[in-house]
Amino acid sequence: MTTWLTQFIESFGYIAIILLIAVENIFPPIPSEVILTLGGFLVNGTKLTLIGVILASTLGSVIGAIILFSISRNLTLPRLEKLLETKLFKLLGFKKDDAQKAINWFDKHGIGAIFYGRCIPVVRSLISIPAGIAHVGWTKFLILTTLGSLVWNSVLVGLGHYMGKNWQVVVRIFDDYTLVIIALLLILFIYFGIKWYKTRIKK
Protein backbone atom coordinates (compact mmCIF):
# COMPACT_ATOMS: atom_id res chain seq x y z
CA MET A 1 0.00 0.00 0.00
CA THR A 2 2.81 2.39 0.91
CA THR A 3 4.42 1.96 -2.53
CA TRP A 4 1.42 2.99 -4.60
CA LEU A 5 0.53 5.78 -2.16
CA THR A 6 4.05 7.15 -2.49
CA GLN A 7 3.92 6.92 -6.29
CA PHE A 8 0.47 8.54 -6.39
CA ILE A 9 1.52 11.47 -4.21
CA GLU A 10 4.84 11.91 -6.04
CA SER A 11 3.02 11.91 -9.41
CA PHE A 12 0.11 14.21 -8.57
CA GLY A 13 1.43 16.14 -5.56
CA TYR A 14 -1.05 18.26 -3.66
CA ILE A 15 -3.98 17.12 -5.83
CA ALA A 16 -3.34 13.54 -4.67
CA ILE A 17 -3.31 14.60 -1.01
CA ILE A 18 -6.55 16.59 -1.39
CA LEU A 19 -8.27 13.66 -3.11
CA LEU A 20 -7.01 10.99 -0.68
CA ILE A 21 -7.98 12.95 2.42
CA ALA A 22 -11.39 13.91 1.00
CA VAL A 23 -12.17 10.25 0.25
CA GLU A 24 -10.82 9.18 3.65
CA ASN A 25 -13.26 11.55 5.35
CA ILE A 26 -16.22 9.92 3.61
CA PHE A 27 -15.10 6.31 3.43
CA PRO A 28 -11.81 5.64 5.22
CA PRO A 29 -10.15 2.80 3.27
CA ILE A 30 -6.79 4.38 4.12
CA PRO A 31 -6.47 6.02 7.56
CA SER A 32 -5.54 9.69 7.47
CA GLU A 33 -2.62 8.92 9.79
CA VAL A 34 -0.94 7.03 6.94
CA ILE A 35 -1.56 9.70 4.30
CA LEU A 36 -0.56 12.63 6.51
CA THR A 37 2.60 11.15 8.00
CA LEU A 38 3.68 9.84 4.60
CA GLY A 39 3.04 13.30 3.13
CA GLY A 40 5.18 14.84 5.86
CA PHE A 41 7.98 12.38 5.13
CA LEU A 42 7.84 13.02 1.37
CA VAL A 43 8.53 16.71 1.97
CA ASN A 44 12.15 15.64 2.51
CA GLY A 45 12.70 14.35 -1.02
CA THR A 46 10.11 15.97 -3.31
CA LYS A 47 8.87 19.39 -4.41
CA LEU A 48 6.21 19.27 -1.70
CA THR A 49 6.49 21.73 1.18
CA LEU A 50 5.40 21.27 4.78
CA ILE A 51 2.92 24.16 4.63
CA GLY A 52 1.65 22.96 1.25
CA VAL A 53 0.91 19.44 2.52
CA ILE A 54 -0.85 20.81 5.61
CA LEU A 55 -3.02 23.18 3.56
CA ALA A 56 -3.81 20.56 0.89
CA SER A 57 -4.80 17.97 3.50
CA THR A 58 -6.94 20.52 5.34
CA LEU A 59 -8.73 21.40 2.11
CA GLY A 60 -9.34 17.70 1.49
CA SER A 61 -10.69 17.29 5.03
CA VAL A 62 -13.11 20.18 4.59
CA ILE A 63 -14.32 18.91 1.20
CA GLY A 64 -15.03 15.45 2.63
CA ALA A 65 -16.75 16.93 5.68
CA ILE A 66 -18.93 19.18 3.52
CA ILE A 67 -20.21 16.18 1.56
CA LEU A 68 -21.24 14.29 4.71
CA PHE A 69 -22.65 17.46 6.28
CA SER A 70 -24.73 18.25 3.18
CA ILE A 71 -26.19 14.74 3.03
CA SER A 72 -27.00 14.79 6.76
CA ARG A 73 -28.77 18.15 6.49
CA ASN A 74 -31.32 16.50 4.20
CA LEU A 75 -32.45 14.45 7.18
CA THR A 76 -34.99 17.10 8.12
CA LEU A 77 -36.86 17.13 11.42
CA PRO A 78 -40.08 15.75 9.84
CA ARG A 79 -38.09 12.90 8.27
CA LEU A 80 -36.41 12.12 11.56
CA GLU A 81 -39.72 12.22 13.42
CA LYS A 82 -41.26 9.94 10.82
CA LEU A 83 -38.35 7.53 11.23
CA LEU A 84 -38.77 7.50 15.02
CA GLU A 85 -42.46 6.66 14.62
CA THR A 86 -41.70 3.37 12.86
CA LYS A 87 -42.31 0.15 14.79
CA LEU A 88 -38.61 -0.63 15.12
CA PHE A 89 -37.75 2.65 16.84
CA LYS A 90 -40.88 2.52 19.00
CA LEU A 91 -39.82 -0.92 20.20
CA LEU A 92 -36.45 0.56 21.09
CA GLY A 93 -38.23 3.13 23.27
CA PHE A 94 -37.89 6.22 21.08
CA LYS A 95 -40.54 8.91 20.82
CA LYS A 96 -41.32 11.39 18.08
CA ASP A 97 -40.12 14.38 20.12
CA ASP A 98 -36.74 12.73 20.78
CA ALA A 99 -35.56 14.10 17.42
CA GLN A 100 -36.15 17.71 18.44
CA LYS A 101 -34.61 17.08 21.86
CA ALA A 102 -31.46 15.67 20.27
CA ILE A 103 -31.16 18.64 17.92
CA ASN A 104 -31.68 21.09 20.77
CA TRP A 105 -28.97 19.34 22.81
CA PHE A 106 -26.45 19.51 19.97
CA ASP A 107 -27.30 23.17 19.37
CA LYS A 108 -26.66 23.93 23.03
CA HIS A 109 -23.71 21.69 23.85
CA GLY A 110 -22.41 20.05 20.74
CA ILE A 111 -21.12 22.87 18.55
CA GLY A 112 -17.65 22.68 20.12
CA ALA A 113 -17.68 18.93 19.49
CA ILE A 114 -17.16 19.67 15.79
CA PHE A 115 -13.74 21.19 16.54
CA TYR A 116 -12.64 18.59 19.09
CA GLY A 117 -14.11 15.74 17.08
CA ARG A 118 -11.88 16.60 14.13
CA CYS A 119 -8.87 15.80 16.33
CA ILE A 120 -10.04 12.34 17.45
CA PRO A 121 -9.49 9.20 15.35
CA VAL A 122 -12.72 7.53 14.15
CA VAL A 123 -14.86 10.41 15.49
CA ARG A 124 -13.25 12.94 13.13
CA SER A 125 -14.88 11.37 10.07
CA LEU A 126 -18.31 10.98 11.70
CA ILE A 127 -18.79 14.27 13.55
CA SER A 128 -20.17 15.95 10.41
CA ILE A 129 -23.24 13.69 10.50
CA PRO A 130 -24.81 14.86 13.82
CA ALA A 131 -23.79 18.41 12.93
CA GLY A 132 -25.76 18.12 9.69
CA ILE A 133 -28.77 16.53 11.35
CA ALA A 134 -28.77 19.32 13.95
CA HIS A 135 -28.61 21.86 11.09
CA VAL A 136 -25.60 23.68 12.50
CA GLY A 137 -25.03 26.87 10.52
CA TRP A 138 -22.71 26.61 7.52
CA THR A 139 -20.38 29.34 8.80
CA LYS A 140 -19.90 27.74 12.22
CA PHE A 141 -19.49 24.30 10.69
CA LEU A 142 -16.88 25.41 8.17
CA ILE A 143 -14.87 27.44 10.68
CA LEU A 144 -14.80 24.70 13.33
CA THR A 145 -14.14 21.95 10.79
CA THR A 146 -11.31 23.91 9.19
CA LEU A 147 -9.66 24.77 12.51
CA GLY A 148 -10.00 21.24 13.91
CA SER A 149 -8.70 19.69 10.69
CA LEU A 150 -5.81 22.16 10.59
CA VAL A 151 -4.71 21.14 14.09
CA TRP A 152 -4.95 17.39 13.36
CA ASN A 153 -3.23 17.64 9.98
CA SER A 154 -0.45 19.90 11.27
CA VAL A 155 0.41 17.45 14.05
CA LEU A 156 0.45 14.37 11.79
CA VAL A 157 2.27 16.00 8.88
CA GLY A 158 4.77 17.56 11.29
CA LEU A 159 5.42 14.21 12.98
CA GLY A 160 5.89 12.49 9.62
CA HIS A 161 8.37 15.15 8.57
CA TYR A 162 10.24 15.00 11.87
CA MET A 163 10.43 11.19 11.98
CA GLY A 164 11.67 10.93 8.39
CA LYS A 165 12.17 7.32 7.32
CA ASN A 166 10.68 6.19 10.62
CA TRP A 167 7.31 7.83 9.87
CA GLN A 168 5.51 4.48 10.13
CA VAL A 169 6.29 4.42 13.86
CA VAL A 170 3.83 7.31 14.22
CA VAL A 171 1.17 5.31 12.36
CA ARG A 172 1.62 2.33 14.69
CA ILE A 173 1.32 4.56 17.77
CA PHE A 174 -1.88 6.12 16.45
CA ASP A 175 -3.25 2.69 15.57
CA ASP A 176 -2.92 1.70 19.22
CA TYR A 177 -4.38 5.06 20.26
CA THR A 178 -7.34 4.51 17.95
CA LEU A 179 -8.12 1.16 19.56
CA VAL A 180 -8.15 2.84 22.98
CA ILE A 181 -10.47 5.58 21.67
CA ILE A 182 -12.87 3.02 20.20
CA ALA A 183 -12.89 1.08 23.48
CA LEU A 184 -13.59 4.24 25.51
CA LEU A 185 -16.36 5.32 23.16
CA LEU A 186 -17.94 1.88 23.38
CA ILE A 187 -17.82 1.98 27.19
CA LEU A 188 -19.33 5.48 27.26
CA PHE A 189 -22.02 4.47 24.77
CA ILE A 190 -23.01 1.47 26.89
CA TYR A 191 -22.93 3.51 30.11
CA PHE A 192 -25.10 6.35 28.82
CA GLY A 193 -27.35 3.88 27.00
CA ILE A 194 -28.08 2.02 30.23
CA LYS A 195 -28.51 5.29 32.13
CA TRP A 196 -30.89 6.64 29.48
CA TYR A 197 -32.87 3.38 29.42
CA LYS A 198 -33.28 3.38 33.23
CA THR A 199 -34.49 7.00 33.10
CA ARG A 200 -37.07 6.11 30.44
CA ILE A 201 -38.32 3.17 32.53
CA LYS A 202 -38.78 5.40 35.60
CA LYS A 203 -40.84 7.86 33.54
C-alpha atoms as a PDB file:
ATOM      1  CA  MET A   1       0.000   0.000   0.000  1.00  0.00           C
ATOM      2  CA  THR A   2       2.810   2.387   0.907  1.00  0.00           C
ATOM      3  CA  THR A   3       4.421   1.963  -2.527  1.00  0.00           C
ATOM      4  CA  TRP A   4       1.420   2.991  -4.598  1.00  0.00           C
ATOM      5  CA  LEU A   5       0.531   5.775  -2.159  1.00  0.00           C
ATOM      6  CA  THR A   6       4.052   7.152  -2.489  1.00  0.00           C
ATOM      7  CA  GLN A   7       3.919   6.923  -6.291  1.00  0.00           C
ATOM      8  CA  PHE A   8       0.475   8.538  -6.385  1.00  0.00           C
ATOM      9  CA  ILE A   9       1.522  11.468  -4.209  1.00  0.00           C
ATOM     10  CA  GLU A  10       4.839  11.911  -6.043  1.00  0.00           C
ATOM     11  CA  SER A  11       3.017  11.909  -9.407  1.00  0.00           C
ATOM     12  CA  PHE A  12       0.115  14.209  -8.567  1.00  0.00           C
ATOM     13  CA  GLY A  13       1.434  16.139  -5.564  1.00  0.00           C
ATOM     14  CA  TYR A  14      -1.051  18.261  -3.658  1.00  0.00           C
ATOM     15  CA  ILE A  15      -3.983  17.116  -5.829  1.00  0.00           C
ATOM     16  CA  ALA A  16      -3.340  13.539  -4.667  1.00  0.00           C
ATOM     17  CA  ILE A  17      -3.314  14.603  -1.015  1.00  0.00           C
ATOM     18  CA  ILE A  18      -6.551  16.589  -1.385  1.00  0.00           C
ATOM     19  CA  LEU A  19      -8.266  13.656  -3.108  1.00  0.00           C
ATOM     20  CA  LEU A  20      -7.008  10.992  -0.681  1.00  0.00           C
ATOM     21  CA  ILE A  21      -7.981  12.953   2.423  1.00  0.00           C
ATOM     22  CA  ALA A  22     -11.393  13.912   0.996  1.00  0.00           C
ATOM     23  CA  VAL A  23     -12.169  10.252   0.250  1.00  0.00           C
ATOM     24  CA  GLU A  24     -10.824   9.176   3.650  1.00  0.00           C
ATOM     25  CA  ASN A  25     -13.259  11.549   5.348  1.00  0.00           C
ATOM     26  CA  ILE A  26     -16.223   9.923   3.608  1.00  0.00           C
ATOM     27  CA  PHE A  27     -15.102   6.313   3.429  1.00  0.00           C
ATOM     28  CA  PRO A  28     -11.812   5.642   5.223  1.00  0.00           C
ATOM     29  CA  PRO A  29     -10.150   2.803   3.269  1.00  0.00           C
ATOM     30  CA  ILE A  30      -6.789   4.382   4.121  1.00  0.00           C
ATOM     31  CA  PRO A  31      -6.469   6.017   7.561  1.00  0.00           C
ATOM     32  CA  SER A  32      -5.544   9.694   7.474  1.00  0.00           C
ATOM     33  CA  GLU A  33      -2.619   8.922   9.793  1.00  0.00           C
ATOM     34  CA  VAL A  34      -0.936   7.033   6.937  1.00  0.00           C
ATOM     35  CA  ILE A  35      -1.555   9.703   4.296  1.00  0.00           C
ATOM     36  CA  LEU A  36      -0.559  12.626   6.510  1.00  0.00           C
ATOM     37  CA  THR A  37       2.604  11.152   8.004  1.00  0.00           C
ATOM     38  CA  LEU A  38       3.685   9.844   4.597  1.00  0.00           C
ATOM     39  CA  GLY A  39       3.035  13.296   3.131  1.00  0.00           C
ATOM     40  CA  GLY A  40       5.182  14.838   5.856  1.00  0.00           C
ATOM     41  CA  PHE A  41       7.977  12.376   5.134  1.00  0.00           C
ATOM     42  CA  LEU A  42       7.843  13.017   1.367  1.00  0.00           C
ATOM     43  CA  VAL A  43       8.525  16.706   1.974  1.00  0.00           C
ATOM     44  CA  ASN A  44      12.145  15.643   2.512  1.00  0.00           C
ATOM     45  CA  GLY A  45      12.700  14.353  -1.023  1.00  0.00           C
ATOM     46  CA  THR A  46      10.111  15.965  -3.309  1.00  0.00           C
ATOM     47  CA  LYS A  47       8.871  19.386  -4.410  1.00  0.00           C
ATOM     48  CA  LEU A  48       6.211  19.267  -1.696  1.00  0.00           C
ATOM     49  CA  THR A  49       6.491  21.729   1.178  1.00  0.00           C
ATOM     50  CA  LEU A  50       5.403  21.274   4.784  1.00  0.00           C
ATOM     51  CA  ILE A  51       2.919  24.156   4.627  1.00  0.00           C
ATOM     52  CA  GLY A  52       1.647  22.964   1.251  1.00  0.00           C
ATOM     53  CA  VAL A  53       0.914  19.444   2.520  1.00  0.00           C
ATOM     54  CA  ILE A  54      -0.851  20.809   5.611  1.00  0.00           C
ATOM     55  CA  LEU A  55      -3.022  23.179   3.559  1.00  0.00           C
ATOM     56  CA  ALA A  56      -3.807  20.562   0.892  1.00  0.00           C
ATOM     57  CA  SER A  57      -4.801  17.970   3.496  1.00  0.00           C
ATOM     58  CA  THR A  58      -6.936  20.515   5.339  1.00  0.00           C
ATOM     59  CA  LEU A  59      -8.726  21.404   2.107  1.00  0.00           C
ATOM     60  CA  GLY A  60      -9.342  17.701   1.488  1.00  0.00           C
ATOM     61  CA  SER A  61     -10.695  17.292   5.030  1.00  0.00           C
ATOM     62  CA  VAL A  62     -13.112  20.181   4.587  1.00  0.00           C
ATOM     63  CA  ILE A  63     -14.325  18.908   1.195  1.00  0.00           C
ATOM     64  CA  GLY A  64     -15.031  15.448   2.625  1.00  0.00           C
ATOM     65  CA  ALA A  65     -16.746  16.926   5.683  1.00  0.00           C
ATOM     66  CA  ILE A  66     -18.930  19.181   3.517  1.00  0.00           C
ATOM     67  CA  ILE A  67     -20.209  16.180   1.556  1.00  0.00           C
ATOM     68  CA  LEU A  68     -21.245  14.291   4.711  1.00  0.00           C
ATOM     69  CA  PHE A  69     -22.649  17.457   6.277  1.00  0.00           C
ATOM     70  CA  SER A  70     -24.735  18.250   3.184  1.00  0.00           C
ATOM     71  CA  ILE A  71     -26.190  14.740   3.033  1.00  0.00           C
ATOM     72  CA  SER A  72     -27.002  14.787   6.756  1.00  0.00           C
ATOM     73  CA  ARG A  73     -28.767  18.146   6.493  1.00  0.00           C
ATOM     74  CA  ASN A  74     -31.323  16.500   4.202  1.00  0.00           C
ATOM     75  CA  LEU A  75     -32.446  14.449   7.181  1.00  0.00           C
ATOM     76  CA  THR A  76     -34.987  17.104   8.123  1.00  0.00           C
ATOM     77  CA  LEU A  77     -36.860  17.126  11.419  1.00  0.00           C
ATOM     78  CA  PRO A  78     -40.078  15.750   9.843  1.00  0.00           C
ATOM     79  CA  ARG A  79     -38.093  12.903   8.267  1.00  0.00           C
ATOM     80  CA  LEU A  80     -36.406  12.119  11.563  1.00  0.00           C
ATOM     81  CA  GLU A  81     -39.716  12.218  13.417  1.00  0.00           C
ATOM     82  CA  LYS A  82     -41.258   9.938  10.816  1.00  0.00           C
ATOM     83  CA  LEU A  83     -38.355   7.528  11.231  1.00  0.00           C
ATOM     84  CA  LEU A  84     -38.774   7.497  15.019  1.00  0.00           C
ATOM     85  CA  GLU A  85     -42.457   6.656  14.616  1.00  0.00           C
ATOM     86  CA  THR A  86     -41.698   3.368  12.864  1.00  0.00           C
ATOM     87  CA  LYS A  87     -42.308   0.145  14.795  1.00  0.00           C
ATOM     88  CA  LEU A  88     -38.614  -0.625  15.125  1.00  0.00           C
ATOM     89  CA  PHE A  89     -37.749   2.651  16.840  1.00  0.00           C
ATOM     90  CA  LYS A  90     -40.878   2.524  19.002  1.00  0.00           C
ATOM     91  CA  LEU A  91     -39.824  -0.921  20.205  1.00  0.00           C
ATOM     92  CA  LEU A  92     -36.445   0.562  21.089  1.00  0.00           C
ATOM     93  CA  GLY A  93     -38.227   3.126  23.267  1.00  0.00           C
ATOM     94  CA  PHE A  94     -37.891   6.218  21.084  1.00  0.00           C
ATOM     95  CA  LYS A  95     -40.544   8.908  20.822  1.00  0.00           C
ATOM     96  CA  LYS A  96     -41.321  11.389  18.077  1.00  0.00           C
ATOM     97  CA  ASP A  97     -40.120  14.376  20.116  1.00  0.00           C
ATOM     98  CA  ASP A  98     -36.737  12.732  20.776  1.00  0.00           C
ATOM     99  CA  ALA A  99     -35.560  14.096  17.417  1.00  0.00           C
ATOM    100  CA  GLN A 100     -36.150  17.706  18.436  1.00  0.00           C
ATOM    101  CA  LYS A 101     -34.608  17.084  21.860  1.00  0.00           C
ATOM    102  CA  ALA A 102     -31.460  15.672  20.270  1.00  0.00           C
ATOM    103  CA  ILE A 103     -31.156  18.636  17.918  1.00  0.00           C
ATOM    104  CA  ASN A 104     -31.680  21.095  20.770  1.00  0.00           C
ATOM    105  CA  TRP A 105     -28.972  19.337  22.813  1.00  0.00           C
ATOM    106  CA  PHE A 106     -26.452  19.510  19.974  1.00  0.00           C
ATOM    107  CA  ASP A 107     -27.302  23.170  19.366  1.00  0.00           C
ATOM    108  CA  LYS A 108     -26.663  23.934  23.031  1.00  0.00           C
ATOM    109  CA  HIS A 109     -23.713  21.687  23.854  1.00  0.00           C
ATOM    110  CA  GLY A 110     -22.406  20.049  20.736  1.00  0.00           C
ATOM    111  CA  ILE A 111     -21.120  22.874  18.550  1.00  0.00           C
ATOM    112  CA  GLY A 112     -17.653  22.681  20.116  1.00  0.00           C
ATOM    113  CA  ALA A 113     -17.679  18.929  19.489  1.00  0.00           C
ATOM    114  CA  ILE A 114     -17.158  19.672  15.790  1.00  0.00           C
ATOM    115  CA  PHE A 115     -13.744  21.188  16.543  1.00  0.00           C
ATOM    116  CA  TYR A 116     -12.635  18.592  19.092  1.00  0.00           C
ATOM    117  CA  GLY A 117     -14.115  15.739  17.079  1.00  0.00           C
ATOM    118  CA  ARG A 118     -11.880  16.602  14.129  1.00  0.00           C
ATOM    119  CA  CYS A 119      -8.875  15.804  16.334  1.00  0.00           C
ATOM    120  CA  ILE A 120     -10.042  12.343  17.449  1.00  0.00           C
ATOM    121  CA  PRO A 121      -9.494   9.203  15.352  1.00  0.00           C
ATOM    122  CA  VAL A 122     -12.720   7.533  14.147  1.00  0.00           C
ATOM    123  CA  VAL A 123     -14.864  10.408  15.486  1.00  0.00           C
ATOM    124  CA  ARG A 124     -13.253  12.936  13.127  1.00  0.00           C
ATOM    125  CA  SER A 125     -14.883  11.370  10.072  1.00  0.00           C
ATOM    126  CA  LEU A 126     -18.307  10.980  11.696  1.00  0.00           C
ATOM    127  CA  ILE A 127     -18.790  14.271  13.546  1.00  0.00           C
ATOM    128  CA  SER A 128     -20.172  15.953  10.405  1.00  0.00           C
ATOM    129  CA  ILE A 129     -23.245  13.691  10.504  1.00  0.00           C
ATOM    130  CA  PRO A 130     -24.811  14.858  13.818  1.00  0.00           C
ATOM    131  CA  ALA A 131     -23.789  18.410  12.928  1.00  0.00           C
ATOM    132  CA  GLY A 132     -25.757  18.119   9.693  1.00  0.00           C
ATOM    133  CA  ILE A 133     -28.774  16.535  11.353  1.00  0.00           C
ATOM    134  CA  ALA A 134     -28.771  19.319  13.946  1.00  0.00           C
ATOM    135  CA  HIS A 135     -28.614  21.865  11.091  1.00  0.00           C
ATOM    136  CA  VAL A 136     -25.603  23.675  12.500  1.00  0.00           C
ATOM    137  CA  GLY A 137     -25.031  26.873  10.517  1.00  0.00           C
ATOM    138  CA  TRP A 138     -22.712  26.611   7.523  1.00  0.00           C
ATOM    139  CA  THR A 139     -20.381  29.341   8.797  1.00  0.00           C
ATOM    140  CA  LYS A 140     -19.900  27.737  12.222  1.00  0.00           C
ATOM    141  CA  PHE A 141     -19.487  24.301  10.695  1.00  0.00           C
ATOM    142  CA  LEU A 142     -16.881  25.405   8.165  1.00  0.00           C
ATOM    143  CA  ILE A 143     -14.866  27.444  10.678  1.00  0.00           C
ATOM    144  CA  LEU A 144     -14.800  24.704  13.334  1.00  0.00           C
ATOM    145  CA  THR A 145     -14.141  21.955  10.793  1.00  0.00           C
ATOM    146  CA  THR A 146     -11.306  23.914   9.186  1.00  0.00           C
ATOM    147  CA  LEU A 147      -9.656  24.769  12.507  1.00  0.00           C
ATOM    148  CA  GLY A 148      -9.999  21.243  13.905  1.00  0.00           C
ATOM    149  CA  SER A 149      -8.699  19.689  10.695  1.00  0.00           C
ATOM    150  CA  LEU A 150      -5.815  22.157  10.587  1.00  0.00           C
ATOM    151  CA  VAL A 151      -4.707  21.135  14.086  1.00  0.00           C
ATOM    152  CA  TRP A 152      -4.948  17.394  13.360  1.00  0.00           C
ATOM    153  CA  ASN A 153      -3.229  17.640   9.984  1.00  0.00           C
ATOM    154  CA  SER A 154      -0.448  19.896  11.267  1.00  0.00           C
ATOM    155  CA  VAL A 155       0.409  17.446  14.047  1.00  0.00           C
ATOM    156  CA  LEU A 156       0.447  14.368  11.789  1.00  0.00           C
ATOM    157  CA  VAL A 157       2.274  15.998   8.875  1.00  0.00           C
ATOM    158  CA  GLY A 158       4.772  17.562  11.287  1.00  0.00           C
ATOM    159  CA  LEU A 159       5.421  14.214  12.977  1.00  0.00           C
ATOM    160  CA  GLY A 160       5.886  12.492   9.619  1.00  0.00           C
ATOM    161  CA  HIS A 161       8.370  15.149   8.565  1.00  0.00           C
ATOM    162  CA  TYR A 162      10.240  15.001  11.871  1.00  0.00           C
ATOM    163  CA  MET A 163      10.430  11.190  11.984  1.00  0.00           C
ATOM    164  CA  GLY A 164      11.672  10.931   8.391  1.00  0.00           C
ATOM    165  CA  LYS A 165      12.169   7.316   7.318  1.00  0.00           C
ATOM    166  CA  ASN A 166      10.677   6.188  10.624  1.00  0.00           C
ATOM    167  CA  TRP A 167       7.308   7.835   9.865  1.00  0.00           C
ATOM    168  CA  GLN A 168       5.506   4.480  10.128  1.00  0.00           C
ATOM    169  CA  VAL A 169       6.289   4.418  13.858  1.00  0.00           C
ATOM    170  CA  VAL A 170       3.829   7.306  14.219  1.00  0.00           C
ATOM    171  CA  VAL A 171       1.169   5.310  12.365  1.00  0.00           C
ATOM    172  CA  ARG A 172       1.625   2.331  14.690  1.00  0.00           C
ATOM    173  CA  ILE A 173       1.322   4.555  17.765  1.00  0.00           C
ATOM    174  CA  PHE A 174      -1.881   6.123  16.449  1.00  0.00           C
ATOM    175  CA  ASP A 175      -3.255   2.686  15.567  1.00  0.00           C
ATOM    176  CA  ASP A 176      -2.920   1.704  19.220  1.00  0.00           C
ATOM    177  CA  TYR A 177      -4.379   5.057  20.262  1.00  0.00           C
ATOM    178  CA  THR A 178      -7.339   4.509  17.950  1.00  0.00           C
ATOM    179  CA  LEU A 179      -8.122   1.159  19.562  1.00  0.00           C
ATOM    180  CA  VAL A 180      -8.150   2.844  22.977  1.00  0.00           C
ATOM    181  CA  ILE A 181     -10.472   5.576  21.671  1.00  0.00           C
ATOM    182  CA  ILE A 182     -12.875   3.017  20.199  1.00  0.00           C
ATOM    183  CA  ALA A 183     -12.888   1.077  23.476  1.00  0.00           C
ATOM    184  CA  LEU A 184     -13.586   4.240  25.509  1.00  0.00           C
ATOM    185  CA  LEU A 185     -16.364   5.321  23.155  1.00  0.00           C
ATOM    186  CA  LEU A 186     -17.939   1.878  23.375  1.00  0.00           C
ATOM    187  CA  ILE A 187     -17.818   1.976  27.187  1.00  0.00           C
ATOM    188  CA  LEU A 188     -19.335   5.477  27.258  1.00  0.00           C
ATOM    189  CA  PHE A 189     -22.020   4.469  24.769  1.00  0.00           C
ATOM    190  CA  ILE A 190     -23.015   1.466  26.889  1.00  0.00           C
ATOM    191  CA  TYR A 191     -22.929   3.510  30.110  1.00  0.00           C
ATOM    192  CA  PHE A 192     -25.103   6.350  28.816  1.00  0.00           C
ATOM    193  CA  GLY A 193     -27.349   3.878  26.995  1.00  0.00           C
ATOM    194  CA  ILE A 194     -28.082   2.023  30.232  1.00  0.00           C
ATOM    195  CA  LYS A 195     -28.512   5.295  32.132  1.00  0.00           C
ATOM    196  CA  TRP A 196     -30.890   6.642  29.476  1.00  0.00           C
ATOM    197  CA  TYR A 197     -32.868   3.385  29.423  1.00  0.00           C
ATOM    198  CA  LYS A 198     -33.281   3.384  33.226  1.00  0.00           C
ATOM    199  CA  THR A 199     -34.485   6.996  33.102  1.00  0.00           C
ATOM    200  CA  ARG A 200     -37.070   6.105  30.441  1.00  0.00           C
ATOM    201  CA  ILE A 201     -38.323   3.169  32.530  1.00  0.00           C
ATOM    202  CA  LYS A 202     -38.782   5.395  35.601  1.00  0.00           C
ATOM    203  CA  LYS A 203     -40.842   7.862  33.537  1.00  0.00           C
END
